[in-house]
Amino acid sequence: MPRGGFREGAGRKKEYTEPVRKILLGLPESVLQELDQYANQRNLSRPKAIAALLKQIHRSEEPARQKTQHKVVLQELKSLREKLKKSSD
């Protein structure tokens, strides 16, 4: 009876859909303590806690980016309206 090797459905399921790279990260002790506290409160590993924090930052920046884009579009529309007004006069 053969043992080992690839078996369909065997092994640990992948947590990410993209390749994962390992890094060495040096942090001040106080920052590491905050990270560990954050991870422990959410039952996460350090890497997952860092990924969660980065996603949280990205989500919080998105509305500000959209607001800036809306301002640019409004300014462009106002400028276009001014040009159309001048050309019709």
PDB file of N, CA and C in Angstrom:
ATOM      1  N   MET A   1       0.848  -1.180   0.000  1.00  0.00           N
ATOM      2  CA  MET A   1       0.000   0.000   0.000  1.00  0.00           C
ATOM      3  C   MET A   1       0.895   1.245   0.000  1.00  0.00           C
ATOM      4  N   PRO A   2       0.798   2.094  -1.062  1.00  0.00           N
ATOM      5  CA  PRO A   2       1.635   3.306  -1.128  1.00  0.00           C
ATOM      6  C   PRO A   2       1.202   4.344  -0.103  1.00  0.00           C
ATOM      7  N   ARG A   3       2.185   5.097   0.379  1.00  0.00           N
ATOM      8  CA  ARG A   3       1.901   6.167   1.347  1.00  0.00           C
ATOM      9  C   ARG A   3       2.541   7.468   0.873  1.00  0.00           C
ATOM     10  N   GLY A   4       1.998   8.559   1.350  1.00  0.00           N
ATOM     11  CA  GLY A   4       2.572   9.861   1.022  1.00  0.00           C
ATOM     12  C   GLY A   4       2.182  10.327  -0.364  1.00  0.00           C
ATOM     13  N   GLY A   5       2.756  11.428  -0.754  1.00  0.00           N
ATOM     14  CA  GLY A   5       2.467  11.971  -2.070  1.00  0.00           C
ATOM     15  C   GLY A   5       1.184  12.782  -2.088  1.00  0.00           C
ATOM     16  N   PHE A   6       0.853  13.271  -3.261  1.00  0.00           N
ATOM     17  CA  PHE A   6      -0.322  14.128  -3.437  1.00  0.00           C
ATOM     18  C   PHE A   6      -1.604  13.312  -3.352  1.00  0.00           C
ATOM     19  N   ARG A   7      -2.546  13.827  -2.572  1.00  0.00           N
ATOM     20  CA  ARG A   7      -3.883  13.248  -2.510  1.00  0.00           C
ATOM     21  C   ARG A   7      -4.886  14.391  -2.606  1.00  0.00           C
ATOM     22  N   GLU A   8      -5.853  14.248  -3.476  1.00  0.00           N
ATOM     23  CA  GLU A   8      -6.883  15.281  -3.664  1.00  0.00           C
ATOM     24  C   GLU A   8      -7.550  15.599  -2.339  1.00  0.00           C
ATOM     25  N   GLY A   9      -7.620  16.888  -1.993  1.00  0.00           N
ATOM     26  CA  GLY A   9      -8.288  17.334  -0.775  1.00  0.00           C
ATOM     27  C   GLY A   9      -7.461  17.195   0.488  1.00  0.00           C
ATOM     28  N   ALA A  10      -6.259  16.655   0.373  1.00  0.00           N
ATOM     29  CA  ALA A  10      -5.417  16.487   1.559  1.00  0.00           C
ATOM     30  C   ALA A  10      -4.598  17.742   1.808  1.00  0.00           C
ATOM     31  N   GLY A  11      -4.221  17.946   3.035  1.00  0.00           N
ATOM     32  CA  GLY A  11      -3.344  19.070   3.375  1.00  0.00           C
ATOM     33  C   GLY A  11      -4.108  20.297   3.824  1.00  0.00           C
ATOM     34  N   ARG A  12      -3.346  21.277   4.217  1.00  0.00           N
ATOM     35  CA  ARG A  12      -3.903  22.525   4.721  1.00  0.00           C
ATOM     36  C   ARG A  12      -4.421  23.389   3.575  1.00  0.00           C
ATOM     37  N   LYS A  13      -5.560  23.999   3.765  1.00  0.00           N
ATOM     38  CA  LYS A  13      -6.146  24.871   2.750  1.00  0.00           C
ATOM     39  C   LYS A  13      -5.370  26.187   2.702  1.00  0.00           C
ATOM     40  N   LYS A  14      -5.221  26.741   1.497  1.00  0.00           N
ATOM     41  CA  LYS A  14      -4.527  28.011   1.340  1.00  0.00           C
ATOM     42  C   LYS A  14      -5.385  29.137   1.899  1.00  0.00           C
ATOM     43  N   GLU A  15      -4.731  30.060   2.588  1.00  0.00           N
ATOM     44  CA  GLU A  15      -5.463  31.185   3.174  1.00  0.00           C
ATOM     45  C   GLU A  15      -5.531  32.383   2.229  1.00  0.00           C
ATOM     46  N   TYR A  16      -4.587  32.450   1.299  1.00  0.00           N
ATOM     47  CA  TYR A  16      -4.542  33.567   0.360  1.00  0.00           C
ATOM     48  C   TYR A  16      -4.635  33.023  -1.055  1.00  0.00           C
ATOM     49  N   THR A  17      -5.185  33.832  -1.948  1.00  0.00           N
ATOM     50  CA  THR A  17      -5.329  33.407  -3.339  1.00  0.00           C
ATOM     51  C   THR A  17      -4.128  33.819  -4.186  1.00  0.00           C
ATOM     52  N   GLU A  18      -3.194  34.523  -3.594  1.00  0.00           N
ATOM     53  CA  GLU A  18      -2.009  34.965  -4.313  1.00  0.00           C
ATOM     54  C   GLU A  18      -0.763  34.438  -3.604  1.00  0.00           C
ATOM     55  N   PRO A  19       0.385  34.474  -4.278  1.00  0.00           N
ATOM     56  CA  PRO A  19       1.611  33.990  -3.640  1.00  0.00           C
ATOM     57  C   PRO A  19       1.943  34.794  -2.385  1.00  0.00           C
ATOM     58  N   VAL A  20       2.522  34.127  -1.413  1.00  0.00           N
ATOM     59  CA  VAL A  20       2.883  34.760  -0.145  1.00  0.00           C
ATOM     60  C   VAL A  20       4.403  34.778  -0.024  1.00  0.00           C
ATOM     61  N   ARG A  21       4.972  35.943   0.291  1.00  0.00           N
ATOM     62  CA  ARG A  21       6.419  36.075   0.501  1.00  0.00           C
ATOM     63  C   ARG A  21       6.692  36.297   1.972  1.00  0.00           C
ATOM     64  N   LYS A  22       7.686  35.616   2.475  1.00  0.00           N
ATOM     65  CA  LYS A  22       8.090  35.810   3.863  1.00  0.00           C
ATOM     66  C   LYS A  22       9.078  36.953   3.921  1.00  0.00           C
ATOM     67  N   ILE A  23       8.967  37.759   4.984  1.00  0.00           N
ATOM     68  CA  ILE A  23       9.880  38.883   5.179  1.00  0.00           C
ATOM     69  C   ILE A  23      10.348  38.891   6.628  1.00  0.00           C
ATOM     70  N   LEU A  24      11.435  39.564   6.859  1.00  0.00           N
ATOM     71  CA  LEU A  24      11.925  39.803   8.208  1.00  0.00           C
ATOM     72  C   LEU A  24      11.623  41.264   8.506  1.00  0.00           C
ATOM     73  N   LEU A  25      10.906  41.500   9.582  1.00  0.00           N
ATOM     74  CA  LEU A  25      10.453  42.853   9.902  1.00  0.00           C
ATOM     75  C   LEU A  25      10.919  43.234  11.297  1.00  0.00           C
ATOM     76  N   GLY A  26      11.691  44.289  11.382  1.00  0.00           N
ATOM     77  CA  GLY A  26      12.135  44.788  12.674  1.00  0.00           C
ATOM     78  C   GLY A  26      11.239  45.930  13.126  1.00  0.00           C
ATOM     79  N   LEU A  27      10.736  45.827  14.348  1.00  0.00           N
ATOM     80  CA  LEU A  27       9.858  46.859  14.902  1.00  0.00           C
ATOM     81  C   LEU A  27      10.327  47.248  16.294  1.00  0.00           C
ATOM     82  N   PRO A  28      10.090  48.496  16.684  1.00  0.00           N
ATOM     83  CA  PRO A  28      10.370  48.869  18.070  1.00  0.00           C
ATOM     84  C   PRO A  28       9.513  48.021  19.014  1.00  0.00           C
ATOM     85  N   GLU A  29      10.030  47.755  20.191  1.00  0.00           N
ATOM     86  CA  GLU A  29       9.340  46.906  21.157  1.00  0.00           C
ATOM     87  C   GLU A  29       7.923  47.408  21.448  1.00  0.00           C
ATOM     88  N   SER A  30       7.753  48.722  21.575  1.00  0.00           N
ATOM     89  CA  SER A  30       6.424  49.267  21.892  1.00  0.00           C
ATOM     90  C   SER A  30       5.430  49.002  20.765  1.00  0.00           C
ATOM     91  N   VAL A  31       5.884  49.096  19.521  1.00  0.00           N
ATOM     92  CA  VAL A  31       5.020  48.842  18.373  1.00  0.00           C
ATOM     93  C   VAL A  31       4.668  47.356  18.311  1.00  0.00           C
ATOM     94  N   LEU A  32       5.652  46.517  18.604  1.00  0.00           N
ATOM     95  CA  LEU A  32       5.409  45.077  18.616  1.00  0.00           C
ATOM     96  C   LEU A  32       4.399  44.699  19.692  1.00  0.00           C
ATOM     97  N   GLN A  33       4.474  45.353  20.828  1.00  0.00           N
ATOM     98  CA  GLN A  33       3.503  45.089  21.895  1.00  0.00           C
ATOM     99  C   GLN A  33       2.097  45.490  21.456  1.00  0.00           C
ATOM    100  N   GLU A  34       1.984  46.636  20.785  1.00  0.00           N
ATOM    101  CA  GLU A  34       0.674  47.069  20.273  1.00  0.00           C
ATOM    102  C   GLU A  34       0.144  46.083  19.233  1.00  0.00           C
ATOM    103  N   LEU A  35       1.039  45.619  18.361  1.00  0.00           N
ATOM    104  CA  LEU A  35       0.646  44.657  17.339  1.00  0.00           C
ATOM    105  C   LEU A  35       0.168  43.357  17.977  1.00  0.00           C
ATOM    106  N   ASP A  36       0.908  42.883  18.966  1.00  0.00           N
ATOM    107  CA  ASP A  36       0.515  41.650  19.654  1.00  0.00           C
ATOM    108  C   ASP A  36      -0.825  41.816  20.367  1.00  0.00           C
ATOM    109  N   GLN A  37      -1.026  42.968  20.966  1.00  0.00           N
ATOM    110  CA  GLN A  37      -2.296  43.228  21.649  1.00  0.00           C
ATOM    111  C   GLN A  37      -3.445  43.217  20.644  1.00  0.00           C
ATOM    112  N   TYR A  38      -3.252  43.887  19.522  1.00  0.00           N
ATOM    113  CA  TYR A  38      -4.264  43.916  18.456  1.00  0.00           C
ATOM    114  C   TYR A  38      -4.550  42.501  17.968  1.00  0.00           C
ATOM    115  N   ALA A  39      -3.487  41.735  17.720  1.00  0.00           N
ATOM    116  CA  ALA A  39      -3.641  40.366  17.218  1.00  0.00           C
ATOM    117  C   ALA A  39      -4.347  39.478  18.238  1.00  0.00           C
ATOM    118  N   ASN A  40      -3.968  39.569  19.496  1.00  0.00           N
ATOM    119  CA  ASN A  40      -4.573  38.744  20.541  1.00  0.00           C
ATOM    120  C   ASN A  40      -6.051  39.060  20.728  1.00  0.00           C
ATOM    121  N   GLN A  41      -6.409  40.343  20.665  1.00  0.00           N
ATOM    122  CA  GLN A  41      -7.808  40.736  20.833  1.00  0.00           C
ATOM    123  C   GLN A  41      -8.691  40.174  19.719  1.00  0.00           C
ATOM    124  N   ARG A  42      -8.095  39.954  18.555  1.00  0.00           N
ATOM    125  CA  ARG A  42      -8.858  39.479  17.403  1.00  0.00           C
ATOM    126  C   ARG A  42      -8.549  38.026  17.043  1.00  0.00           C
ATOM    127  N   ASN A  43      -7.755  37.383  17.897  1.00  0.00           N
ATOM    128  CA  ASN A  43      -7.362  35.990  17.691  1.00  0.00           C
ATOM    129  C   ASN A  43      -6.693  35.801  16.326  1.00  0.00           C
ATOM    130  N   LEU A  44      -5.733  36.678  16.020  1.00  0.00           N
ATOM    131  CA  LEU A  44      -5.000  36.650  14.757  1.00  0.00           C
ATOM    132  C   LEU A  44      -3.522  36.406  15.014  1.00  0.00           C
ATOM    133  N   SER A  45      -2.839  35.881  14.016  1.00  0.00           N
ATOM    134  CA  SER A  45      -1.386  35.804  14.074  1.00  0.00           C
ATOM    135  C   SER A  45      -0.833  37.200  13.757  1.00  0.00           C
ATOM    136  N   ARG A  46       0.446  37.408  13.998  1.00  0.00           N
ATOM    137  CA  ARG A  46       1.040  38.711  13.662  1.00  0.00           C
ATOM    138  C   ARG A  46       0.890  39.050  12.180  1.00  0.00           C
ATOM    139  N   PRO A  47       1.234  38.116  11.266  1.00  0.00           N
ATOM    140  CA  PRO A  47       1.078  38.450   9.845  1.00  0.00           C
ATOM    141  C   PRO A  47      -0.363  38.789   9.459  1.00  0.00           C
ATOM    142  N   LYS A  48      -1.310  38.036  10.003  1.00  0.00           N
ATOM    143  CA  LYS A  48      -2.714  38.320   9.682  1.00  0.00           C
ATOM    144  C   LYS A  48      -3.158  39.643  10.284  1.00  0.00           C
ATOM    145  N   ALA A  49      -2.621  39.980  11.455  1.00  0.00           N
ATOM    146  CA  ALA A  49      -2.946  41.266  12.079  1.00  0.00           C
ATOM    147  C   ALA A  49      -2.425  42.416  11.224  1.00  0.00           C
ATOM    148  N   ILE A  50      -1.208  42.272  10.714  1.00  0.00           N
ATOM    149  CA  ILE A  50      -0.641  43.321   9.848  1.00  0.00           C
ATOM    150  C   ILE A  50      -1.483  43.455   8.578  1.00  0.00           C
ATOM    151  N   ALA A  51      -1.857  42.324   7.973  1.00  0.00           N
ATOM    152  CA  ALA A  51      -2.692  42.365   6.767  1.00  0.00           C
ATOM    153  C   ALA A  51      -4.034  43.028   7.063  1.00  0.00           C
ATOM    154  N   ALA A  52      -4.632  42.720   8.220  1.00  0.00           N
ATOM    155  CA  ALA A  52      -5.915  43.317   8.597  1.00  0.00           C
ATOM    156  C   ALA A  52      -5.783  44.828   8.781  1.00  0.00           C
ATOM    157  N   LEU A  53      -4.697  45.251   9.414  1.00  0.00           N
ATOM    158  CA  LEU A  53      -4.474  46.686   9.616  1.00  0.00           C
ATOM    159  C   LEU A  53      -4.284  47.407   8.289  1.00  0.00           C
ATOM    160  N   LEU A  54      -3.558  46.790   7.372  1.00  0.00           N
ATOM    161  CA  LEU A  54      -3.355  47.417   6.062  1.00  0.00           C
ATOM    162  C   LEU A  54      -4.667  47.527   5.292  1.00  0.00           C
ATOM    163  N   LYS A  55      -5.497  46.500   5.361  1.00  0.00           N
ATOM    164  CA  LYS A  55      -6.811  46.562   4.704  1.00  0.00           C
ATOM    165  C   LYS A  55      -7.671  47.662   5.321  1.00  0.00           C
ATOM    166  N   GLN A  56      -7.590  47.773   6.645  1.00  0.00           N
ATOM    167  CA  GLN A  56      -8.367  48.794   7.352  1.00  0.00           C
ATOM    168  C   GLN A  56      -7.925  50.194   6.913  1.00  0.00           C
ATOM    169  N   ILE A  57      -6.634  50.401   6.780  1.00  0.00           N
ATOM    170  CA  ILE A  57      -6.108  51.697   6.330  1.00  0.00           C
ATOM    171  C   ILE A  57      -6.578  51.980   4.912  1.00  0.00           C
ATOM    172  N   HIS A  58      -6.494  50.971   4.060  1.00  0.00           N
ATOM    173  CA  HIS A  58      -6.904  51.147   2.668  1.00  0.00           C
ATOM    174  C   HIS A  58      -8.378  51.536   2.576  1.00  0.00           C
ATOM    175  N   ARG A  59      -9.219  50.873   3.365  1.00  0.00           N
ATOM    176  CA  ARG A  59     -10.658  51.191   3.355  1.00  0.00           C
ATOM    177  C   ARG A  59     -10.925  52.597   3.872  1.00  0.00           C
ATOM    178  N   SER A  60     -10.170  53.044   4.869  1.00  0.00           N
ATOM    179  CA  SER A  60     -10.405  54.371   5.437  1.00  0.00           C
ATOM    180  C   SER A  60      -9.925  55.474   4.500  1.00  0.00           C
ATOM    181  N   GLU A  61      -8.940  55.172   3.650  1.00  0.00           N
ATOM    182  CA  GLU A  61      -8.436  56.168   2.696  1.00  0.00           C
ATOM    183  C   GLU A  61      -9.337  56.292   1.477  1.00  0.00           C
ATOM    184  N   GLU A  62     -10.073  55.243   1.150  1.00  0.00           N
ATOM    185  CA  GLU A  62     -10.896  55.231  -0.059  1.00  0.00           C
ATOM    186  C   GLU A  62     -11.915  56.369  -0.109  1.00  0.00           C
ATOM    187  N   PRO A  63     -12.704  56.634   0.954  1.00  0.00           N
ATOM    188  CA  PRO A  63     -13.654  57.753   0.885  1.00  0.00           C
ATOM    189  C   PRO A  63     -12.977  59.104   0.643  1.00  0.00           C
ATOM    190  N   ALA A  64     -11.816  59.312   1.244  1.00  0.00           N
ATOM    191  CA  ALA A  64     -11.100  60.574   1.045  1.00  0.00           C
ATOM    192  C   ALA A  64     -10.653  60.700  -0.411  1.00  0.00           C
ATOM    193  N   ARG A  65     -10.191  59.597  -0.987  1.00  0.00           N
ATOM    194  CA  ARG A  65      -9.766  59.591  -2.387  1.00  0.00           C
ATOM    195  C   ARG A  65     -10.959  59.874  -3.292  1.00  0.00           C
ATOM    196  N   GLN A  66     -12.108  59.268  -2.988  1.00  0.00           N
ATOM    197  CA  GLN A  66     -13.308  59.495  -3.791  1.00  0.00           C
ATOM    198  C   GLN A  66     -13.767  60.943  -3.676  1.00  0.00           C
ATOM    199  N   LYS A  67     -13.673  61.492  -2.471  1.00  0.00           N
ATOM    200  CA  LYS A  67     -14.077  62.879  -2.262  1.00  0.00           C
ATOM    201  C   LYS A  67     -13.207  63.810  -3.103  1.00  0.00           C
ATOM    202  N   THR A  68     -11.908  63.539  -3.140  1.00  0.00           N
ATOM    203  CA  THR A  68     -10.992  64.346  -3.945  1.00  0.00           C
ATOM    204  C   THR A  68     -11.349  64.220  -5.422  1.00  0.00           C
ATOM    205  N   GLN A  69     -11.641  63.004  -5.874  1.00  0.00           N
ATOM    206  CA  GLN A  69     -12.008  62.804  -7.270  1.00  0.00           C
ATOM    207  C   GLN A  69     -13.300  63.540  -7.610  1.00  0.00           C
ATOM    208  N   HIS A  70     -14.258  63.526  -6.689  1.00  0.00           N
ATOM    209  CA  HIS A  70     -15.515  64.249  -6.918  1.00  0.00           C
ATOM    210  C   HIS A  70     -15.250  65.745  -7.047  1.00  0.00           C
ATOM    211  N   LYS A  71     -14.373  66.281  -6.223  1.00  0.00           N
ATOM    212  CA  LYS A  71     -14.042  67.710  -6.294  1.00  0.00           C
ATOM    213  C   LYS A  71     -13.423  68.054  -7.642  1.00  0.00           C
ATOM    214  N   VAL A  72     -12.532  67.185  -8.119  1.00  0.00           N
ATOM    215  CA  VAL A  72     -11.890  67.419  -9.411  1.00  0.00           C
ATOM    216  C   VAL A  72     -12.926  67.406 -10.522  1.00  0.00           C
ATOM    217  N   VAL A  73     -13.824  66.445 -10.506  1.00  0.00           N
ATOM    218  CA  VAL A  73     -14.860  66.353 -11.537  1.00  0.00           C
ATOM    219  C   VAL A  73     -15.764  67.583 -11.484  1.00  0.00           C
ATOM    220  N   LEU A  74     -16.166  67.993 -10.290  1.00  0.00           N
ATOM    221  CA  LEU A  74     -17.004  69.191 -10.165  1.00  0.00           C
ATOM    222  C   LEU A  74     -16.295  70.429 -10.693  1.00  0.00           C
ATOM    223  N   GLN A  75     -15.008  70.544 -10.392  1.00  0.00           N
ATOM    224  CA  GLN A  75     -14.236  71.694 -10.871  1.00  0.00           C
ATOM    225  C   GLN A  75     -14.156  71.678 -12.396  1.00  0.00           C
ATOM    226  N   GLU A  76     -13.936  70.499 -12.959  1.00  0.00           N
ATOM    227  CA  GLU A  76     -13.886  70.380 -14.416  1.00  0.00           C
ATOM    228  C   GLU A  76     -15.233  70.736 -15.048  1.00  0.00           C
ATOM    229  N   LEU A  77     -16.322  70.311 -14.424  1.00  0.00           N
ATOM    230  CA  LEU A  77     -17.649  70.646 -14.936  1.00  0.00           C
ATOM    231  C   LEU A  77     -17.909  72.148 -14.868  1.00  0.00           C
ATOM    232  N   LYS A  78     -17.499  72.761 -13.766  1.00  0.00           N
ATOM    233  CA  LYS A  78     -17.661  74.217 -13.642  1.00  0.00           C
ATOM    234  C   LYS A  78     -16.853  74.937 -14.712  1.00  0.00           C
ATOM    235  N   SER A  79     -15.641  74.464 -14.937  1.00  0.00           N
ATOM    236  CA  SER A  79     -14.785  75.068 -15.947  1.00  0.00           C
ATOM    237  C   SER A  79     -15.403  74.908 -17.335  1.00  0.00           C
ATOM    238  N   LEU A  80     -15.923  73.740 -17.617  1.00  0.00           N
ATOM    239  CA  LEU A  80     -16.567  73.493 -18.905  1.00  0.00           C
ATOM    240  C   LEU A  80     -17.790  74.379 -19.071  1.00  0.00           C
ATOM    241  N   ARG A  81     -18.570  74.551 -18.016  1.00  0.00           N
ATOM    242  CA  ARG A  81     -19.741  75.413 -18.064  1.00  0.00           C
ATOM    243  C   ARG A  81     -19.327  76.852 -18.370  1.00  0.00           C
ATOM    244  N   GLU A  82     -18.261  77.298 -17.737  1.00  0.00           N
ATOM    245  CA  GLU A  82     -17.759  78.666 -17.991  1.00  0.00           C
ATOM    246  C   GLU A  82     -17.346  78.825 -19.461  1.00  0.00           C
ATOM    247  N   LYS A  83     -16.651  77.839 -19.989  1.00  0.00           N
ATOM    248  CA  LYS A  83     -16.203  77.895 -21.381  1.00  0.00           C
ATOM    249  C   LYS A  83     -17.396  77.913 -22.331  1.00  0.00           C
ATOM    250  N   LEU A  84     -18.400  77.083 -22.029  1.00  0.00           N
ATOM    251  CA  LEU A  84     -19.585  77.035 -22.875  1.00  0.00           C
ATOM    252  C   LEU A  84     -20.339  78.360 -22.816  1.00  0.00           C
ATOM    253  N   LYS A  85     -20.374  78.961 -21.641  1.00  0.00           N
ATOM    254  CA  LYS A  85     -21.055  80.240 -21.460  1.00  0.00           C
ATOM    255  C   LYS A  85     -20.367  81.322 -22.282  1.00  0.00           C
ATOM    256  N   LYS A  86     -19.026  81.327 -22.239  1.00  0.00           N
ATOM    257  CA  LYS A  86     -18.251  82.323 -22.972  1.00  0.00           C
ATOM    258  C   LYS A  86     -18.394  82.134 -24.486  1.00  0.00           C
ATOM    259  N   SER A  87     -18.406  80.876 -24.924  1.00  0.00           N
ATOM    260  CA  SER A  87     -18.502  80.611 -26.369  1.00  0.00           C
ATOM    261  C   SER A  87     -19.883  80.930 -26.914  1.00  0.00           C
ATOM    262  N   SER A  88     -20.914  80.885 -26.061  1.00  0.00           N
ATOM    263  CA  SER A  88     -22.264  81.185 -26.525  1.00  0.00           C
ATOM    264  C   SER A  88     -22.533  82.701 -26.551  1.00  0.00           C
ATOM    265  N   ASP A  89     -21.696  83.464 -25.867  1.00  0.00           N
ATOM    266  CA  ASP A  89     -21.892  84.929 -25.830  1.00  0.00           C
ATOM    267  C   ASP A  89     -21.364  85.614 -27.036  1.00  0.00           C
TER     268      ASP A  89
END
